[in-house]
Amino acid sequence: MKLWLAERNEDKVGYDQYDSWVVAAENEMQVNAFTKYGHEAGYKVRVIGTPLPDQARGIVLASFNAG
């Protein structure tokens, strides 16, 4: 399992929407399943680290643009 950063393209992010997530997942397909928008919203995904052994799969942190 790896830690992934999924970031939406700035030009597609509005108020009351998420712009990025840190996700613990095995692969990019799992990252897409945990994040709300998927690739159709236009976001980039990259590996940023390795989680601790007891880390559960799923969203670890999310950035929300409150409006």
N, C-alpha and C. Protein backbone atom coordinates (compact mmCIF):
# COMPACT_ATOMS: atom_id res chain seq x y z
N MET A 1 0.85 -1.18 0.00
CA MET A 1 0.00 0.00 0.00
C MET A 1 0.89 1.24 0.00
N LYS A 2 0.38 2.33 -0.61
CA LYS A 2 1.12 3.58 -0.70
C LYS A 2 0.21 4.74 -0.33
N LEU A 3 0.83 5.87 -0.04
CA LEU A 3 0.08 7.12 0.15
C LEU A 3 0.11 7.87 -1.17
N TRP A 4 -1.05 8.28 -1.60
CA TRP A 4 -1.20 8.97 -2.88
C TRP A 4 -1.76 10.37 -2.64
N LEU A 5 -1.31 11.33 -3.45
CA LEU A 5 -1.89 12.67 -3.45
C LEU A 5 -2.67 12.82 -4.75
N ALA A 6 -3.95 13.10 -4.62
CA ALA A 6 -4.80 13.37 -5.78
C ALA A 6 -5.18 14.84 -5.73
N GLU A 7 -4.82 15.58 -6.79
CA GLU A 7 -5.09 17.02 -6.85
C GLU A 7 -5.92 17.33 -8.08
N ARG A 8 -6.99 18.07 -7.87
CA ARG A 8 -7.82 18.51 -9.00
C ARG A 8 -7.17 19.67 -9.70
N ASN A 9 -7.46 19.82 -10.98
CA ASN A 9 -6.97 20.99 -11.72
C ASN A 9 -7.61 22.24 -11.16
N GLU A 10 -6.81 23.27 -10.95
CA GLU A 10 -7.30 24.50 -10.32
C GLU A 10 -8.46 25.12 -11.07
N ASP A 11 -8.47 25.06 -12.38
CA ASP A 11 -9.52 25.71 -13.16
C ASP A 11 -10.86 25.00 -13.07
N LYS A 12 -10.91 23.82 -12.44
CA LYS A 12 -12.17 23.09 -12.33
C LYS A 12 -12.68 23.01 -10.89
N VAL A 13 -12.06 23.75 -9.97
CA VAL A 13 -12.44 23.69 -8.57
C VAL A 13 -13.22 24.95 -8.21
N GLY A 14 -14.41 24.76 -7.65
CA GLY A 14 -15.22 25.88 -7.22
C GLY A 14 -15.42 25.86 -5.72
N TYR A 15 -16.29 26.75 -5.25
CA TYR A 15 -16.62 26.77 -3.83
C TYR A 15 -17.39 25.51 -3.46
N ASP A 16 -17.25 25.12 -2.20
CA ASP A 16 -17.91 23.93 -1.67
C ASP A 16 -17.54 22.66 -2.42
N GLN A 17 -16.28 22.58 -2.82
CA GLN A 17 -15.76 21.39 -3.48
C GLN A 17 -14.40 21.03 -2.90
N TYR A 18 -14.05 19.76 -3.01
CA TYR A 18 -12.73 19.29 -2.61
C TYR A 18 -11.74 19.59 -3.73
N ASP A 19 -10.51 19.97 -3.34
CA ASP A 19 -9.49 20.18 -4.36
C ASP A 19 -8.36 19.16 -4.30
N SER A 20 -8.21 18.46 -3.16
CA SER A 20 -7.16 17.44 -3.08
C SER A 20 -7.42 16.48 -1.94
N TRP A 21 -6.77 15.31 -2.06
CA TRP A 21 -6.92 14.26 -1.06
C TRP A 21 -5.59 13.55 -0.89
N VAL A 22 -5.32 13.07 0.30
CA VAL A 22 -4.26 12.10 0.54
C VAL A 22 -4.99 10.79 0.82
N VAL A 23 -4.65 9.75 0.05
CA VAL A 23 -5.37 8.49 0.12
C VAL A 23 -4.37 7.34 0.33
N ALA A 24 -4.69 6.44 1.25
CA ALA A 24 -3.93 5.21 1.42
C ALA A 24 -4.60 4.15 0.55
N ALA A 25 -3.87 3.66 -0.45
CA ALA A 25 -4.45 2.72 -1.40
C ALA A 25 -3.35 1.88 -2.05
N GLU A 26 -3.77 0.77 -2.64
CA GLU A 26 -2.84 -0.12 -3.33
C GLU A 26 -2.44 0.40 -4.70
N ASN A 27 -3.40 1.05 -5.39
CA ASN A 27 -3.13 1.49 -6.75
C ASN A 27 -4.02 2.69 -7.10
N GLU A 28 -3.79 3.24 -8.27
CA GLU A 28 -4.52 4.43 -8.70
C GLU A 28 -6.02 4.17 -8.87
N MET A 29 -6.40 2.96 -9.23
CA MET A 29 -7.83 2.64 -9.36
C MET A 29 -8.53 2.76 -8.00
N GLN A 30 -7.88 2.32 -6.93
CA GLN A 30 -8.46 2.47 -5.59
C GLN A 30 -8.55 3.93 -5.19
N VAL A 31 -7.55 4.72 -5.58
CA VAL A 31 -7.60 6.16 -5.29
C VAL A 31 -8.85 6.76 -5.94
N ASN A 32 -9.11 6.41 -7.19
CA ASN A 32 -10.30 6.91 -7.89
C ASN A 32 -11.58 6.51 -7.18
N ALA A 33 -11.62 5.31 -6.62
CA ALA A 33 -12.81 4.84 -5.92
C ALA A 33 -13.07 5.63 -4.64
N PHE A 34 -12.00 6.06 -3.97
CA PHE A 34 -12.17 6.78 -2.71
C PHE A 34 -12.46 8.27 -2.90
N THR A 35 -11.97 8.85 -3.98
CA THR A 35 -12.21 10.28 -4.19
C THR A 35 -13.52 10.47 -4.91
N LYS A 36 -14.10 11.62 -4.74
CA LYS A 36 -15.46 11.85 -5.19
C LYS A 36 -15.59 12.09 -6.69
N TYR A 37 -14.57 12.62 -7.34
CA TYR A 37 -14.76 13.14 -8.69
C TYR A 37 -14.26 12.26 -9.81
N GLY A 38 -13.25 11.43 -9.56
CA GLY A 38 -12.70 10.60 -10.62
C GLY A 38 -11.95 11.40 -11.66
N HIS A 39 -11.40 10.72 -12.65
CA HIS A 39 -10.58 11.39 -13.66
C HIS A 39 -11.38 12.32 -14.55
N GLU A 40 -12.68 12.15 -14.66
CA GLU A 40 -13.45 13.05 -15.52
C GLU A 40 -13.41 14.48 -15.00
N ALA A 41 -13.12 14.67 -13.71
CA ALA A 41 -13.00 16.01 -13.16
C ALA A 41 -11.61 16.58 -13.43
N GLY A 42 -10.72 15.78 -13.92
CA GLY A 42 -9.39 16.24 -14.27
C GLY A 42 -8.48 16.42 -13.07
N TYR A 43 -8.02 15.34 -12.49
CA TYR A 43 -7.04 15.48 -11.43
C TYR A 43 -5.85 14.60 -11.68
N LYS A 44 -4.74 15.00 -11.08
CA LYS A 44 -3.51 14.22 -11.22
C LYS A 44 -3.24 13.47 -9.92
N VAL A 45 -2.67 12.29 -10.05
CA VAL A 45 -2.42 11.41 -8.91
C VAL A 45 -0.94 11.05 -8.90
N ARG A 46 -0.32 11.13 -7.71
CA ARG A 46 1.07 10.72 -7.60
C ARG A 46 1.33 10.12 -6.22
N VAL A 47 2.30 9.24 -6.15
CA VAL A 47 2.69 8.60 -4.90
C VAL A 47 3.52 9.59 -4.10
N ILE A 48 3.19 9.73 -2.79
CA ILE A 48 3.95 10.65 -1.95
C ILE A 48 4.61 9.95 -0.76
N GLY A 49 4.35 8.65 -0.57
CA GLY A 49 4.99 7.97 0.54
C GLY A 49 4.41 6.60 0.82
N THR A 50 4.84 6.07 1.96
CA THR A 50 4.39 4.76 2.42
C THR A 50 3.73 4.93 3.78
N PRO A 51 2.52 4.41 3.96
CA PRO A 51 1.85 4.56 5.25
C PRO A 51 2.44 3.65 6.32
N LEU A 52 2.10 3.92 7.55
CA LEU A 52 2.46 3.04 8.65
C LEU A 52 1.76 1.69 8.46
N PRO A 53 2.30 0.63 9.01
CA PRO A 53 1.72 -0.71 8.80
C PRO A 53 0.26 -0.85 9.22
N ASP A 54 -0.18 -0.09 10.21
CA ASP A 54 -1.57 -0.23 10.68
C ASP A 54 -2.55 0.74 10.01
N GLN A 55 -2.10 1.46 9.00
CA GLN A 55 -2.97 2.42 8.31
C GLN A 55 -4.02 1.68 7.50
N ALA A 56 -5.27 2.07 7.69
CA ALA A 56 -6.37 1.49 6.92
C ALA A 56 -6.43 2.15 5.54
N ARG A 57 -6.98 1.43 4.57
CA ARG A 57 -7.18 2.02 3.24
C ARG A 57 -8.25 3.10 3.33
N GLY A 58 -8.07 4.12 2.51
CA GLY A 58 -9.07 5.17 2.45
C GLY A 58 -8.46 6.55 2.51
N ILE A 59 -9.32 7.54 2.61
CA ILE A 59 -8.90 8.93 2.65
C ILE A 59 -8.27 9.22 4.00
N VAL A 60 -7.08 9.78 3.97
CA VAL A 60 -6.35 10.14 5.18
C VAL A 60 -6.58 11.62 5.49
N LEU A 61 -6.62 12.45 4.44
CA LEU A 61 -6.76 13.89 4.59
C LEU A 61 -7.38 14.45 3.34
N ALA A 62 -8.24 15.46 3.47
CA ALA A 62 -8.86 16.09 2.31
C ALA A 62 -8.88 17.60 2.49
N SER A 63 -8.75 18.31 1.38
CA SER A 63 -8.80 19.77 1.39
C SER A 63 -10.11 20.21 0.73
N PHE A 64 -10.91 20.97 1.48
CA PHE A 64 -12.24 21.39 1.03
C PHE A 64 -12.29 22.91 0.94
N ASN A 65 -12.80 23.43 -0.17
CA ASN A 65 -12.92 24.87 -0.38
C ASN A 65 -14.33 25.32 0.01
N ALA A 66 -14.49 25.74 1.25
CA ALA A 66 -15.80 26.17 1.73
C ALA A 66 -16.17 27.51 1.10
N GLY A 67 -17.42 27.65 0.76
CA GLY A 67 -17.86 28.88 0.11
C GLY A 67 -18.89 29.52 0.85
